[in-house]
């Protein structure tokens, strides 16, 4: 995955922020976040299909509400770190597969 460095007016550039400890962090643009969210959602759906695990079954296994899980797998809402870890464990896959597709 590579961030989009487009300079078009539709794409906001990354934003630099400073933490309370004085460290500078680069926050990805909204567009980059959406691309990553969609990529993870696609990889989760692919792994669900590979393991023949439906949305309701995965919801039951992970204790993530079905409507929230549905929104995440459609890319409508972001995955929390703990959600990705739970999903990877219950789909018998790795975080790398869900995050990168490899």
N, C-alpha and C. Protein backbone atom coordinates (compact mmCIF):
# COMPACT_ATOMS: atom_id res chain seq x y z
N UNK A 1 0.83 -1.17 0.00
CA UNK A 1 0.00 0.00 0.00
C UNK A 1 0.87 1.23 0.00
N UNK A 2 0.57 2.16 -0.90
CA UNK A 2 1.30 3.42 -0.96
C UNK A 2 0.31 4.55 -0.82
N UNK A 3 0.63 5.57 -0.03
CA UNK A 3 -0.29 6.69 0.12
C UNK A 3 -0.40 7.46 -1.19
N UNK A 4 -1.50 8.12 -1.35
CA UNK A 4 -1.75 8.91 -2.54
C UNK A 4 -1.16 10.30 -2.33
N UNK A 5 -0.18 10.67 -3.13
CA UNK A 5 0.46 11.97 -2.99
C UNK A 5 -0.06 12.97 -4.01
N UNK A 6 -1.23 12.74 -4.52
CA UNK A 6 -1.83 13.63 -5.50
C UNK A 6 -1.97 15.03 -4.92
N UNK A 7 -1.78 16.03 -5.75
CA UNK A 7 -1.91 17.41 -5.28
C UNK A 7 -3.19 18.05 -5.79
N UNK A 8 -4.13 17.24 -6.26
CA UNK A 8 -5.38 17.80 -6.76
C UNK A 8 -6.13 18.45 -5.60
N UNK A 9 -7.04 19.35 -5.93
CA UNK A 9 -7.77 20.08 -4.91
C UNK A 9 -8.74 19.17 -4.16
N UNK A 10 -9.07 18.01 -4.71
CA UNK A 10 -10.00 17.09 -4.05
C UNK A 10 -9.31 16.27 -2.96
N UNK A 11 -8.00 16.23 -2.95
CA UNK A 11 -7.26 15.38 -2.02
C UNK A 11 -6.52 16.25 -1.01
N UNK A 12 -6.90 16.12 0.26
CA UNK A 12 -6.18 16.88 1.28
C UNK A 12 -4.85 16.20 1.54
N UNK A 13 -3.77 16.97 1.67
CA UNK A 13 -2.48 16.36 1.97
C UNK A 13 -2.45 15.84 3.41
N UNK A 14 -1.45 15.05 3.70
CA UNK A 14 -1.27 14.57 5.06
C UNK A 14 -1.06 15.75 5.99
N UNK A 15 -1.45 15.57 7.24
CA UNK A 15 -1.36 16.63 8.23
C UNK A 15 -0.33 16.26 9.27
N UNK A 16 0.52 17.20 9.63
CA UNK A 16 1.50 16.96 10.68
C UNK A 16 0.92 17.46 11.99
N UNK A 17 1.08 16.64 13.03
CA UNK A 17 0.63 17.03 14.36
C UNK A 17 1.77 16.80 15.34
N UNK A 18 1.72 17.49 16.45
CA UNK A 18 2.73 17.33 17.48
C UNK A 18 2.06 16.78 18.73
N UNK A 19 2.63 15.70 19.28
CA UNK A 19 2.07 15.09 20.47
C UNK A 19 2.49 15.87 21.72
N UNK A 20 1.93 15.48 22.84
CA UNK A 20 2.26 16.11 24.12
C UNK A 20 3.74 15.92 24.47
N UNK A 21 4.36 14.90 23.88
CA UNK A 21 5.77 14.62 24.16
C UNK A 21 6.71 15.32 23.18
N UNK A 22 6.16 16.15 22.30
CA UNK A 22 6.98 16.92 21.38
C UNK A 22 7.36 16.19 20.11
N UNK A 23 6.83 14.97 19.91
CA UNK A 23 7.13 14.23 18.68
C UNK A 23 6.15 14.64 17.58
N UNK A 24 6.66 14.74 16.37
CA UNK A 24 5.83 15.08 15.23
C UNK A 24 5.35 13.80 14.55
N UNK A 25 4.06 13.74 14.29
CA UNK A 25 3.45 12.59 13.64
C UNK A 25 2.77 13.05 12.35
N UNK A 26 2.85 12.24 11.32
CA UNK A 26 2.16 12.55 10.07
C UNK A 26 0.88 11.75 10.03
N UNK A 27 -0.23 12.44 9.96
CA UNK A 27 -1.54 11.79 9.89
C UNK A 27 -1.94 11.65 8.43
N UNK A 28 -2.37 10.45 8.00
CA UNK A 28 -2.78 10.29 6.61
C UNK A 28 -4.01 11.14 6.29
N UNK A 29 -4.13 11.50 5.04
CA UNK A 29 -5.28 12.30 4.61
C UNK A 29 -6.55 11.45 4.70
N UNK A 30 -7.69 12.10 4.63
CA UNK A 30 -8.97 11.39 4.66
C UNK A 30 -9.05 10.39 3.51
N UNK A 31 -8.53 10.78 2.37
CA UNK A 31 -8.58 9.90 1.20
C UNK A 31 -7.71 8.66 1.43
N UNK A 32 -6.53 8.84 2.00
CA UNK A 32 -5.66 7.69 2.30
C UNK A 32 -6.30 6.77 3.32
N UNK A 33 -6.97 7.34 4.32
CA UNK A 33 -7.66 6.53 5.32
C UNK A 33 -8.78 5.72 4.68
N UNK A 34 -9.52 6.32 3.75
CA UNK A 34 -10.61 5.61 3.07
C UNK A 34 -10.06 4.47 2.21
N UNK A 35 -8.94 4.70 1.55
CA UNK A 35 -8.33 3.64 0.72
C UNK A 35 -7.92 2.47 1.61
N UNK A 36 -7.29 2.75 2.72
CA UNK A 36 -6.86 1.69 3.63
C UNK A 36 -8.06 0.96 4.22
N UNK A 37 -9.10 1.70 4.62
CA UNK A 37 -10.31 1.09 5.17
C UNK A 37 -10.95 0.14 4.15
N UNK A 38 -11.02 0.56 2.89
CA UNK A 38 -11.60 -0.29 1.84
C UNK A 38 -10.74 -1.52 1.58
N UNK A 39 -9.43 -1.36 1.62
CA UNK A 39 -8.53 -2.49 1.39
C UNK A 39 -8.69 -3.54 2.49
N UNK A 40 -8.75 -3.10 3.73
CA UNK A 40 -8.92 -4.04 4.84
C UNK A 40 -10.28 -4.72 4.74
N UNK A 41 -11.34 -3.96 4.42
CA UNK A 41 -12.68 -4.54 4.29
C UNK A 41 -12.69 -5.61 3.20
N UNK A 42 -12.04 -5.35 2.08
CA UNK A 42 -11.98 -6.33 1.00
C UNK A 42 -11.25 -7.59 1.44
N UNK A 43 -10.13 -7.42 2.14
CA UNK A 43 -9.37 -8.58 2.61
C UNK A 43 -10.15 -9.39 3.63
N UNK A 44 -10.90 -8.73 4.49
CA UNK A 44 -11.73 -9.46 5.46
C UNK A 44 -12.80 -10.27 4.73
N UNK A 45 -13.46 -9.65 3.75
CA UNK A 45 -14.48 -10.39 2.98
C UNK A 45 -13.88 -11.58 2.25
N UNK A 46 -12.68 -11.41 1.68
CA UNK A 46 -12.02 -12.52 0.99
C UNK A 46 -11.70 -13.66 1.95
N UNK A 47 -11.22 -13.33 3.13
CA UNK A 47 -10.90 -14.37 4.12
C UNK A 47 -12.18 -15.03 4.66
N UNK A 48 -13.25 -14.26 4.79
CA UNK A 48 -14.53 -14.85 5.20
C UNK A 48 -14.98 -15.87 4.16
N UNK A 49 -14.86 -15.52 2.89
CA UNK A 49 -15.25 -16.45 1.83
C UNK A 49 -14.34 -17.68 1.82
N UNK A 50 -13.03 -17.47 1.99
CA UNK A 50 -12.08 -18.58 1.99
C UNK A 50 -12.40 -19.58 3.09
N UNK A 51 -12.78 -19.06 4.26
CA UNK A 51 -13.04 -19.95 5.39
C UNK A 51 -14.52 -20.32 5.52
N UNK A 52 -15.33 -19.94 4.54
CA UNK A 52 -16.77 -20.23 4.54
C UNK A 52 -17.45 -19.76 5.82
N UNK A 53 -17.11 -18.57 6.24
CA UNK A 53 -17.67 -17.99 7.46
C UNK A 53 -18.52 -16.79 7.08
N UNK A 54 -19.81 -16.88 7.37
CA UNK A 54 -20.71 -15.78 7.05
C UNK A 54 -20.62 -14.65 8.07
N UNK A 55 -21.26 -13.57 7.76
CA UNK A 55 -21.23 -12.39 8.60
C UNK A 55 -21.79 -12.66 9.99
N UNK A 56 -22.92 -13.33 10.07
CA UNK A 56 -23.54 -13.61 11.38
C UNK A 56 -22.67 -14.55 12.21
N UNK A 57 -22.07 -15.55 11.56
CA UNK A 57 -21.20 -16.48 12.27
C UNK A 57 -19.96 -15.74 12.81
N UNK A 58 -19.35 -14.90 11.98
CA UNK A 58 -18.18 -14.14 12.42
C UNK A 58 -18.56 -13.18 13.54
N UNK A 59 -19.73 -12.59 13.44
CA UNK A 59 -20.23 -11.70 14.48
C UNK A 59 -20.39 -12.46 15.79
N UNK A 60 -20.95 -13.65 15.73
CA UNK A 60 -21.13 -14.47 16.93
C UNK A 60 -19.78 -14.84 17.54
N UNK A 61 -18.83 -15.24 16.69
CA UNK A 61 -17.52 -15.66 17.18
C UNK A 61 -16.73 -14.51 17.82
N UNK A 62 -16.85 -13.32 17.26
CA UNK A 62 -16.04 -12.19 17.72
C UNK A 62 -16.76 -11.27 18.70
N UNK A 63 -18.07 -11.47 18.86
CA UNK A 63 -18.90 -10.61 19.71
C UNK A 63 -18.95 -9.16 19.21
N UNK A 64 -18.77 -8.99 17.90
CA UNK A 64 -18.94 -7.68 17.27
C UNK A 64 -20.37 -7.65 16.74
N UNK A 65 -21.12 -6.61 17.06
CA UNK A 65 -22.52 -6.53 16.65
C UNK A 65 -22.62 -6.69 15.13
N UNK A 66 -23.60 -7.48 14.65
CA UNK A 66 -23.70 -7.74 13.20
C UNK A 66 -23.79 -6.48 12.33
N UNK A 67 -24.52 -5.47 12.78
CA UNK A 67 -24.63 -4.27 11.95
C UNK A 67 -23.30 -3.52 11.88
N UNK A 68 -22.56 -3.50 12.98
CA UNK A 68 -21.24 -2.85 12.97
C UNK A 68 -20.28 -3.63 12.09
N UNK A 69 -20.29 -4.96 12.21
CA UNK A 69 -19.42 -5.79 11.38
C UNK A 69 -19.77 -5.61 9.90
N UNK A 70 -21.05 -5.51 9.60
CA UNK A 70 -21.47 -5.29 8.22
C UNK A 70 -20.94 -3.96 7.69
N UNK A 71 -21.05 -2.90 8.50
CA UNK A 71 -20.53 -1.59 8.08
C UNK A 71 -19.02 -1.64 7.86
N UNK A 72 -18.31 -2.37 8.73
CA UNK A 72 -16.86 -2.48 8.59
C UNK A 72 -16.50 -3.24 7.31
N UNK A 73 -17.19 -4.34 7.03
CA UNK A 73 -16.85 -5.14 5.85
C UNK A 73 -17.28 -4.48 4.54
N UNK A 74 -18.13 -3.47 4.63
CA UNK A 74 -18.48 -2.69 3.43
C UNK A 74 -17.56 -1.49 3.26
N UNK A 75 -16.73 -1.21 4.27
CA UNK A 75 -15.85 -0.06 4.22
C UNK A 75 -16.52 1.23 4.65
N UNK A 76 -17.70 1.11 5.25
CA UNK A 76 -18.44 2.31 5.67
C UNK A 76 -17.93 2.87 6.99
N UNK A 77 -17.28 2.05 7.78
CA UNK A 77 -16.72 2.49 9.06
C UNK A 77 -15.37 1.81 9.26
N UNK A 78 -14.52 2.41 10.05
CA UNK A 78 -13.17 1.89 10.25
C UNK A 78 -13.15 0.71 11.22
N UNK A 79 -12.17 -0.15 11.03
CA UNK A 79 -11.90 -1.23 11.96
C UNK A 79 -11.08 -0.69 13.11
N UNK A 80 -11.39 -1.10 14.32
CA UNK A 80 -10.52 -0.81 15.45
C UNK A 80 -9.45 -1.88 15.47
N UNK A 81 -8.32 -1.58 16.08
CA UNK A 81 -7.21 -2.54 16.13
C UNK A 81 -7.65 -3.85 16.76
N UNK A 82 -8.40 -3.77 17.87
CA UNK A 82 -8.84 -5.00 18.54
C UNK A 82 -9.80 -5.81 17.69
N UNK A 83 -10.59 -5.12 16.83
CA UNK A 83 -11.50 -5.83 15.92
C UNK A 83 -10.70 -6.65 14.91
N UNK A 84 -9.66 -6.05 14.35
CA UNK A 84 -8.85 -6.75 13.35
C UNK A 84 -8.16 -7.97 13.96
N UNK A 85 -7.67 -7.81 15.19
CA UNK A 85 -7.02 -8.94 15.87
C UNK A 85 -8.01 -10.08 16.10
N UNK A 86 -9.21 -9.75 16.59
CA UNK A 86 -10.24 -10.77 16.81
C UNK A 86 -10.63 -11.47 15.51
N UNK A 87 -10.85 -10.68 14.48
CA UNK A 87 -11.27 -11.23 13.19
C UNK A 87 -10.19 -12.15 12.64
N UNK A 88 -8.94 -11.72 12.69
CA UNK A 88 -7.83 -12.56 12.20
C UNK A 88 -7.79 -13.89 12.95
N UNK A 89 -7.94 -13.84 14.27
CA UNK A 89 -7.89 -15.06 15.07
C UNK A 89 -9.03 -16.01 14.72
N UNK A 90 -10.22 -15.48 14.55
CA UNK A 90 -11.38 -16.34 14.28
C UNK A 90 -11.47 -16.79 12.83
N UNK A 91 -10.79 -16.11 11.93
CA UNK A 91 -10.74 -16.57 10.53
C UNK A 91 -9.49 -17.41 10.27
N UNK A 92 -8.71 -17.65 11.32
CA UNK A 92 -7.49 -18.45 11.22
C UNK A 92 -6.55 -17.91 10.15
N UNK A 93 -6.29 -16.61 10.25
CA UNK A 93 -5.39 -15.95 9.31
C UNK A 93 -4.49 -15.00 10.11
N UNK A 94 -3.66 -14.27 9.42
CA UNK A 94 -2.74 -13.35 10.09
C UNK A 94 -3.18 -11.90 9.90
N UNK A 95 -2.64 -11.04 10.74
CA UNK A 95 -2.89 -9.62 10.58
C UNK A 95 -2.35 -9.13 9.24
N UNK A 96 -1.20 -9.67 8.84
CA UNK A 96 -0.59 -9.27 7.57
C UNK A 96 -1.55 -9.51 6.41
N UNK A 97 -2.22 -10.65 6.40
CA UNK A 97 -3.17 -10.96 5.32
C UNK A 97 -4.31 -9.95 5.31
N UNK A 98 -4.85 -9.64 6.48
CA UNK A 98 -5.98 -8.70 6.53
C UNK A 98 -5.56 -7.27 6.19
N UNK A 99 -4.34 -6.90 6.57
CA UNK A 99 -3.90 -5.53 6.32
C UNK A 99 -3.33 -5.33 4.92
N UNK A 100 -2.69 -6.35 4.36
CA UNK A 100 -2.02 -6.17 3.07
C UNK A 100 -2.55 -7.06 1.96
N UNK A 101 -3.25 -8.13 2.32
CA UNK A 101 -3.74 -9.06 1.30
C UNK A 101 -2.70 -10.09 0.89
N UNK A 102 -1.55 -10.13 1.55
CA UNK A 102 -0.48 -11.08 1.19
C UNK A 102 -0.48 -12.27 2.10
